[in-house]
Amino acid sequence: MNPRVLAAVGATAVALVIGASFVFGGDSDPAPAAANPSVPATSSSVGDAPAPTTAPTPDLPNRGPHPELLEIDGWLQSDVTSLEELRGKVVAVQFWTFACRNCRATIPHMQELHERYGNQDFEIVGIHAPEFDYEAEVPNIEEAAAELGVTWPIVLDTKKRTFHSWQEGPTAHWPRIYLLDRDGNIRYDHIGEGRYAETDAAVQALLAEPS
């Protein structure tokens, strides 16, 4: 082959390789988990619970007392029968249903909160508001809780009266988490997945408030 043709082919190949490196290089890679404030750090731990992630404390305005639990069908995994019995503790109230993919995705973080702060006047209450009929069956809820590692108290909100009364407006959400201070006031509200480091920081701040 003509040397000039060979040189042209070689130059073209080099250009293609360089071009490919810009298309598939580091700028298109996702950021590492530690750089994402929604992903809890897991590089260190205290005891059995992962160390809390450092994050700015969010605003925690006092939104007033939490609404009542309306027409619930009882509690699972607890001797508690009302939120009032948990006064003096910081309480994370999460609306969920076991077949909800987004709800399931939050459970590892809820487990971390429970392990990290469970001996520091902190409790989780999962208000189970079923979307489908089979999610309303207590044996199915118990089986799902065991499978998913949900060990905290569960409120059975079968008719979804509490689900809708707490979430004013045309749309109610799974999952949704509220943080209650020691006096039972709503201080934090987050819809959906994510903001795990922020939620952790909010729990820390509420626990640090004088009782």
C-alpha atoms as a PDB file:
ATOM      1  CA  MET A   1       0.000   0.000   0.000  1.00  0.00           C
ATOM      2  CA  ASN A   2       1.147   3.533  -0.702  1.00  0.00           C
ATOM      3  CA  PRO A   3       3.011   4.969   2.341  1.00  0.00           C
ATOM      4  CA  ARG A   4       0.886   8.114   2.179  1.00  0.00           C
ATOM      5  CA  VAL A   5      -2.298   5.999   2.371  1.00  0.00           C
ATOM      6  CA  LEU A   6      -0.914   4.072   5.360  1.00  0.00           C
ATOM      7  CA  ALA A   7      -0.105   7.314   7.153  1.00  0.00           C
ATOM      8  CA  ALA A   8      -3.604   8.625   6.546  1.00  0.00           C
ATOM      9  CA  VAL A   9      -5.190   5.429   7.862  1.00  0.00           C
ATOM     10  CA  GLY A  10      -3.012   5.532  10.983  1.00  0.00           C
ATOM     11  CA  ALA A  11      -3.883   9.162  11.674  1.00  0.00           C
ATOM     12  CA  THR A  12      -7.578   8.381  11.323  1.00  0.00           C
ATOM     13  CA  ALA A  13      -7.329   5.487  13.810  1.00  0.00           C
ATOM     14  CA  VAL A  14      -5.576   7.695  16.379  1.00  0.00           C
ATOM     15  CA  ALA A  15      -8.233  10.357  15.983  1.00  0.00           C
ATOM     16  CA  LEU A  16     -11.006   7.797  16.538  1.00  0.00           C
ATOM     17  CA  VAL A  17      -9.377   6.501  19.734  1.00  0.00           C
ATOM     18  CA  ILE A  18      -8.918  10.032  21.096  1.00  0.00           C
ATOM     19  CA  GLY A  19     -12.485  10.907  20.213  1.00  0.00           C
ATOM     20  CA  ALA A  20     -13.780   7.801  21.966  1.00  0.00           C
ATOM     21  CA  SER A  21     -11.886   8.718  25.120  1.00  0.00           C
ATOM     22  CA  PHE A  22     -13.818  12.008  25.357  1.00  0.00           C
ATOM     23  CA  VAL A  23     -17.181  10.340  24.750  1.00  0.00           C
ATOM     24  CA  PHE A  24     -16.769   7.559  27.335  1.00  0.00           C
ATOM     25  CA  GLY A  25     -14.404   9.246  29.801  1.00  0.00           C
ATOM     26  CA  GLY A  26     -14.756  10.308  33.462  1.00  0.00           C
ATOM     27  CA  ASP A  27     -17.180  13.178  32.867  1.00  0.00           C
ATOM     28  CA  SER A  28     -19.971  10.701  32.102  1.00  0.00           C
ATOM     29  CA  ASP A  29     -19.296   8.478  35.120  1.00  0.00           C
ATOM     30  CA  PRO A  30     -21.647   8.799  38.134  1.00  0.00           C
ATOM     31  CA  ALA A  31     -20.239  10.529  41.199  1.00  0.00           C
ATOM     32  CA  PRO A  32     -19.062   8.189  43.971  1.00  0.00           C
ATOM     33  CA  ALA A  33     -21.611   7.483  46.698  1.00  0.00           C
ATOM     34  CA  ALA A  34     -19.678   9.411  49.337  1.00  0.00           C
ATOM     35  CA  ALA A  35     -20.039  12.604  47.265  1.00  0.00           C
ATOM     36  CA  ASN A  36     -23.808  12.227  47.060  1.00  0.00           C
ATOM     37  CA  PRO A  37     -25.486  13.775  50.134  1.00  0.00           C
ATOM     38  CA  SER A  38     -28.442  11.404  49.750  1.00  0.00           C
ATOM     39  CA  VAL A  39     -26.291   8.310  50.291  1.00  0.00           C
ATOM     40  CA  PRO A  40     -25.155   7.563  53.852  1.00  0.00           C
ATOM     41  CA  ALA A  41     -21.457   7.017  54.346  1.00  0.00           C
ATOM     42  CA  THR A  42     -20.518   3.505  55.445  1.00  0.00           C
ATOM     43  CA  SER A  43     -16.763   3.784  55.714  1.00  0.00           C
ATOM     44  CA  SER A  44     -16.711   3.778  59.517  1.00  0.00           C
ATOM     45  CA  SER A  45     -18.939   2.611  62.326  1.00  0.00           C
ATOM     46  CA  VAL A  46     -19.537   2.807  66.043  1.00  0.00           C
ATOM     47  CA  GLY A  47     -20.537  -0.524  67.529  1.00  0.00           C
ATOM     48  CA  ASP A  48     -22.904  -2.348  65.210  1.00  0.00           C
ATOM     49  CA  ALA A  49     -24.401   0.779  63.636  1.00  0.00           C
ATOM     50  CA  PRO A  50     -22.769   2.704  60.774  1.00  0.00           C
ATOM     51  CA  ALA A  51     -21.359   6.086  61.746  1.00  0.00           C
ATOM     52  CA  PRO A  52     -23.703   9.010  61.073  1.00  0.00           C
ATOM     53  CA  THR A  53     -23.083  10.998  57.919  1.00  0.00           C
ATOM     54  CA  THR A  54     -22.005  14.596  58.386  1.00  0.00           C
ATOM     55  CA  ALA A  55     -24.574  16.892  56.798  1.00  0.00           C
ATOM     56  CA  PRO A  56     -25.925  20.378  57.483  1.00  0.00           C
ATOM     57  CA  THR A  57     -28.850  20.382  59.877  1.00  0.00           C
ATOM     58  CA  PRO A  58     -32.029  21.232  57.956  1.00  0.00           C
ATOM     59  CA  ASP A  59     -34.534  23.785  59.156  1.00  0.00           C
ATOM     60  CA  LEU A  60     -36.765  22.212  61.791  1.00  0.00           C
ATOM     61  CA  PRO A  61     -39.715  24.568  62.186  1.00  0.00           C
ATOM     62  CA  ASN A  62     -42.393  23.618  64.671  1.00  0.00           C
ATOM     63  CA  ARG A  63     -45.397  22.610  62.565  1.00  0.00           C
ATOM     64  CA  GLY A  64     -47.523  21.907  65.617  1.00  0.00           C
ATOM     65  CA  PRO A  65     -48.867  18.695  67.140  1.00  0.00           C
ATOM     66  CA  HIS A  66     -49.169  15.647  64.920  1.00  0.00           C
ATOM     67  CA  PRO A  67     -52.693  14.639  63.802  1.00  0.00           C
ATOM     68  CA  GLU A  68     -54.438  11.723  65.462  1.00  0.00           C
ATOM     69  CA  LEU A  69     -54.300   8.151  64.236  1.00  0.00           C
ATOM     70  CA  LEU A  70     -57.743   7.655  62.691  1.00  0.00           C
ATOM     71  CA  GLU A  71     -59.605   4.337  62.463  1.00  0.00           C
ATOM     72  CA  ILE A  72     -56.497   2.200  62.699  1.00  0.00           C
ATOM     73  CA  ASP A  73     -56.785  -1.584  63.062  1.00  0.00           C
ATOM     74  CA  GLY A  74     -54.152  -2.010  65.742  1.00  0.00           C
ATOM     75  CA  TRP A  75     -50.386  -2.264  66.088  1.00  0.00           C
ATOM     76  CA  LEU A  76     -47.872  -4.974  65.238  1.00  0.00           C
ATOM     77  CA  GLN A  77     -44.511  -5.659  66.903  1.00  0.00           C
ATOM     78  CA  SER A  78     -45.206  -3.340  69.823  1.00  0.00           C
ATOM     79  CA  ASP A  79     -46.856  -3.014  73.210  1.00  0.00           C
ATOM     80  CA  VAL A  80     -47.457   0.651  72.387  1.00  0.00           C
ATOM     81  CA  THR A  81     -51.012   1.527  71.403  1.00  0.00           C
ATOM     82  CA  SER A  82     -50.714   5.264  70.673  1.00  0.00           C
ATOM     83  CA  LEU A  83     -48.182   7.896  69.662  1.00  0.00           C
ATOM     84  CA  GLU A  84     -48.912   9.693  72.925  1.00  0.00           C
ATOM     85  CA  GLU A  85     -47.216   6.826  74.761  1.00  0.00           C
ATOM     86  CA  LEU A  86     -43.985   7.788  72.994  1.00  0.00           C
ATOM     87  CA  ARG A  87     -43.844  11.323  74.397  1.00  0.00           C
ATOM     88  CA  GLY A  88     -40.316  12.107  75.526  1.00  0.00           C
ATOM     89  CA  LYS A  89     -38.843  10.386  72.483  1.00  0.00           C
ATOM     90  CA  VAL A  90     -37.973  11.618  69.010  1.00  0.00           C
ATOM     91  CA  VAL A  91     -40.184   9.593  66.683  1.00  0.00           C
ATOM     92  CA  ALA A  92     -39.822   8.948  62.957  1.00  0.00           C
ATOM     93  CA  VAL A  93     -43.280   8.277  61.524  1.00  0.00           C
ATOM     94  CA  GLN A  94     -43.079   6.707  58.064  1.00  0.00           C
ATOM     95  CA  PHE A  95     -46.037   6.053  55.793  1.00  0.00           C
ATOM     96  CA  TRP A  96     -45.314   2.959  53.718  1.00  0.00           C
ATOM     97  CA  THR A  97     -46.750  -0.162  52.164  1.00  0.00           C
ATOM     98  CA  PHE A  98     -44.729  -3.309  51.680  1.00  0.00           C
ATOM     99  CA  ALA A  99     -45.124  -3.739  47.907  1.00  0.00           C
ATOM    100  CA  CYS A 100     -44.065  -0.161  47.151  1.00  0.00           C
ATOM    101  CA  ARG A 101     -40.637  -0.261  45.481  1.00  0.00           C
ATOM    102  CA  ASN A 102     -39.736   3.202  46.759  1.00  0.00           C
ATOM    103  CA  CYS A 103     -40.766   2.284  50.294  1.00  0.00           C
ATOM    104  CA  ARG A 104     -38.616  -0.831  50.214  1.00  0.00           C
ATOM    105  CA  ALA A 105     -35.636   1.209  49.034  1.00  0.00           C
ATOM    106  CA  THR A 106     -35.789   3.369  52.185  1.00  0.00           C
ATOM    107  CA  ILE A 107     -35.749   0.463  54.627  1.00  0.00           C
ATOM    108  CA  PRO A 108     -31.940   0.039  54.870  1.00  0.00           C
ATOM    109  CA  HIS A 109     -31.688   3.680  55.951  1.00  0.00           C
ATOM    110  CA  MET A 110     -34.504   3.269  58.467  1.00  0.00           C
ATOM    111  CA  GLN A 111     -32.663   0.224  59.838  1.00  0.00           C
ATOM    112  CA  GLU A 112     -29.518   2.333  60.248  1.00  0.00           C
ATOM    113  CA  LEU A 113     -31.448   5.019  62.135  1.00  0.00           C
ATOM    114  CA  HIS A 114     -33.001   2.375  64.386  1.00  0.00           C
ATOM    115  CA  GLU A 115     -29.639   0.766  65.139  1.00  0.00           C
ATOM    116  CA  ARG A 116     -27.835   4.069  65.628  1.00  0.00           C
ATOM    117  CA  TYR A 117     -30.304   5.946  67.808  1.00  0.00           C
ATOM    118  CA  GLY A 118     -32.623   3.271  69.235  1.00  0.00           C
ATOM    119  CA  ASN A 119     -30.958   3.484  72.637  1.00  0.00           C
ATOM    120  CA  GLN A 120     -31.096   7.303  72.657  1.00  0.00           C
ATOM    121  CA  ASP A 121     -34.817   8.011  73.118  1.00  0.00           C
ATOM    122  CA  PHE A 122     -35.560   7.454  69.430  1.00  0.00           C
ATOM    123  CA  GLU A 123     -38.264   5.286  67.900  1.00  0.00           C
ATOM    124  CA  ILE A 124     -39.652   4.535  64.446  1.00  0.00           C
ATOM    125  CA  VAL A 125     -43.336   3.947  63.794  1.00  0.00           C
ATOM    126  CA  GLY A 126     -44.255   2.603  60.365  1.00  0.00           C
ATOM    127  CA  ILE A 127     -47.838   3.419  59.406  1.00  0.00           C
ATOM    128  CA  HIS A 128     -48.737   0.727  56.906  1.00  0.00           C
ATOM    129  CA  ALA A 129     -51.342   2.047  54.469  1.00  0.00           C
ATOM    130  CA  PRO A 130     -51.976  -0.607  51.808  1.00  0.00           C
ATOM    131  CA  GLU A 131     -52.340   0.290  48.162  1.00  0.00           C
ATOM    132  CA  PHE A 132     -53.742  -3.093  47.094  1.00  0.00           C
ATOM    133  CA  ASP A 133     -56.051  -5.566  48.817  1.00  0.00           C
ATOM    134  CA  TYR A 134     -53.386  -8.229  49.361  1.00  0.00           C
ATOM    135  CA  GLU A 135     -51.248  -5.645  51.178  1.00  0.00           C
ATOM    136  CA  ALA A 136     -54.030  -5.242  53.747  1.00  0.00           C
ATOM    137  CA  GLU A 137     -53.792  -8.859  54.930  1.00  0.00           C
ATOM    138  CA  VAL A 138     -52.019  -8.985  58.289  1.00  0.00           C
ATOM    139  CA  PRO A 139     -50.162 -12.281  57.590  1.00  0.00           C
ATOM    140  CA  ASN A 140     -48.771 -10.731  54.399  1.00  0.00           C
ATOM    141  CA  ILE A 141     -47.635  -7.640  56.305  1.00  0.00           C
ATOM    142  CA  GLU A 142     -45.973  -9.772  58.968  1.00  0.00           C
ATOM    143  CA  GLU A 143     -44.225 -11.901  56.346  1.00  0.00           C
ATOM    144  CA  ALA A 144     -43.003  -8.833  54.460  1.00  0.00           C
ATOM    145  CA  ALA A 145     -41.765  -7.174  57.658  1.00  0.00           C
ATOM    146  CA  ALA A 146     -39.742 -10.268  58.527  1.00  0.00           C
ATOM    147  CA  GLU A 147     -38.347 -10.496  54.996  1.00  0.00           C
ATOM    148  CA  LEU A 148     -37.413  -6.819  54.830  1.00  0.00           C
ATOM    149  CA  GLY A 149     -36.061  -6.520  58.365  1.00  0.00           C
ATOM    150  CA  VAL A 150     -38.699  -4.102  59.637  1.00  0.00           C
ATOM    151  CA  THR A 151     -38.387  -4.591  63.402  1.00  0.00           C
ATOM    152  CA  TRP A 152     -40.012  -1.387  64.687  1.00  0.00           C
ATOM    153  CA  PRO A 153     -43.698  -0.875  65.576  1.00  0.00           C
ATOM    154  CA  ILE A 154     -46.189  -1.003  62.694  1.00  0.00           C
ATOM    155  CA  VAL A 155     -49.569   0.733  62.719  1.00  0.00           C
ATOM    156  CA  LEU A 156     -52.282  -0.917  60.610  1.00  0.00           C
ATOM    157  CA  ASP A 157     -53.969   1.879  58.654  1.00  0.00           C
ATOM    158  CA  THR A 158     -56.090  -0.456  56.531  1.00  0.00           C
ATOM    159  CA  LYS A 159     -58.686   2.120  55.499  1.00  0.00           C
ATOM    160  CA  LYS A 160     -55.977   4.745  54.858  1.00  0.00           C
ATOM    161  CA  ARG A 161     -57.832   7.273  56.992  1.00  0.00           C
ATOM    162  CA  THR A 162     -54.649   8.288  58.810  1.00  0.00           C
ATOM    163  CA  PHE A 163     -52.700   8.212  55.540  1.00  0.00           C
ATOM    164  CA  HIS A 164     -54.995  10.885  54.083  1.00  0.00           C
ATOM    165  CA  SER A 165     -55.649  12.902  57.233  1.00  0.00           C
ATOM    166  CA  TRP A 166     -51.928  13.518  57.863  1.00  0.00           C
ATOM    167  CA  GLN A 167     -51.243  14.394  54.215  1.00  0.00           C
ATOM    168  CA  GLU A 168     -53.457  17.319  53.351  1.00  0.00           C
ATOM    169  CA  GLY A 169     -54.107  18.094  49.711  1.00  0.00           C
ATOM    170  CA  PRO A 170     -55.165  16.099  46.654  1.00  0.00           C
ATOM    171  CA  THR A 171     -52.240  13.663  46.742  1.00  0.00           C
ATOM    172  CA  ALA A 172     -50.873  11.465  49.521  1.00  0.00           C
ATOM    173  CA  HIS A 173     -47.532   9.726  49.196  1.00  0.00           C
ATOM    174  CA  TRP A 174     -45.661   6.508  49.924  1.00  0.00           C
ATOM    175  CA  PRO A 175     -43.079   6.736  51.368  1.00  0.00           C
ATOM    176  CA  ARG A 176     -43.267   9.858  53.493  1.00  0.00           C
ATOM    177  CA  ILE A 177     -41.421  10.458  56.735  1.00  0.00           C
ATOM    178  CA  TYR A 178     -42.231  12.887  59.531  1.00  0.00           C
ATOM    179  CA  LEU A 179     -40.004  13.518  62.534  1.00  0.00           C
ATOM    180  CA  LEU A 180     -41.749  14.313  65.802  1.00  0.00           C
ATOM    181  CA  ASP A 181     -39.943  16.035  68.643  1.00  0.00           C
ATOM    182  CA  ARG A 182     -40.184  14.919  72.259  1.00  0.00           C
ATOM    183  CA  ASP A 183     -43.446  16.861  72.674  1.00  0.00           C
ATOM    184  CA  GLY A 184     -45.105  15.232  69.659  1.00  0.00           C
ATOM    185  CA  ASN A 185     -44.743  18.215  67.318  1.00  0.00           C
ATOM    186  CA  ILE A 186     -43.957  17.707  63.627  1.00  0.00           C
ATOM    187  CA  ARG A 187     -40.524  19.175  62.931  1.00  0.00           C
ATOM    188  CA  TYR A 188     -39.452  17.548  59.658  1.00  0.00           C
ATOM    189  CA  ASP A 189     -41.265  16.240  56.577  1.00  0.00           C
ATOM    190  CA  HIS A 190     -39.805  14.452  53.555  1.00  0.00           C
ATOM    191  CA  ILE A 191     -41.566  12.764  50.643  1.00  0.00           C
ATOM    192  CA  GLY A 192     -39.995   9.892  48.706  1.00  0.00           C
ATOM    193  CA  GLU A 193     -36.541   8.369  48.769  1.00  0.00           C
ATOM    194  CA  GLY A 194     -33.254  10.137  49.380  1.00  0.00           C
ATOM    195  CA  ARG A 195     -32.083  12.918  51.690  1.00  0.00           C
ATOM    196  CA  TYR A 196     -30.847  10.217  54.047  1.00  0.00           C
ATOM    197  CA  ALA A 197     -27.958  12.281  55.421  1.00  0.00           C
ATOM    198  CA  GLU A 198     -30.302  15.230  55.951  1.00  0.00           C
ATOM    199  CA  THR A 199     -32.799  13.043  57.817  1.00  0.00           C
ATOM    200  CA  ASP A 200     -29.998  11.658  59.977  1.00  0.00           C
ATOM    201  CA  ALA A 201     -28.839  15.197  60.810  1.00  0.00           C
ATOM    202  CA  ALA A 202     -32.405  16.167  61.712  1.00  0.00           C
ATOM    203  CA  VAL A 203     -32.704  13.203  64.102  1.00  0.00           C
ATOM    204  CA  GLN A 204     -29.411  14.161  65.751  1.00  0.00           C
ATOM    205  CA  ALA A 205     -30.537  17.764  66.174  1.00  0.00           C
ATOM    206  CA  LEU A 206     -33.894  16.804  67.694  1.00  0.00           C
ATOM    207  CA  LEU A 207     -32.232  14.374  70.099  1.00  0.00           C
ATOM    208  CA  ALA A 208     -29.869  17.159  71.169  1.00  0.00           C
ATOM    209  CA  GLU A 209     -32.718  19.498  72.077  1.00  0.00           C
ATOM    210  CA  PRO A 210     -33.413  19.763  75.819  1.00  0.00           C
ATOM    211  CA  SER A 211     -36.177  17.474  76.982  1.00  0.00           C
END
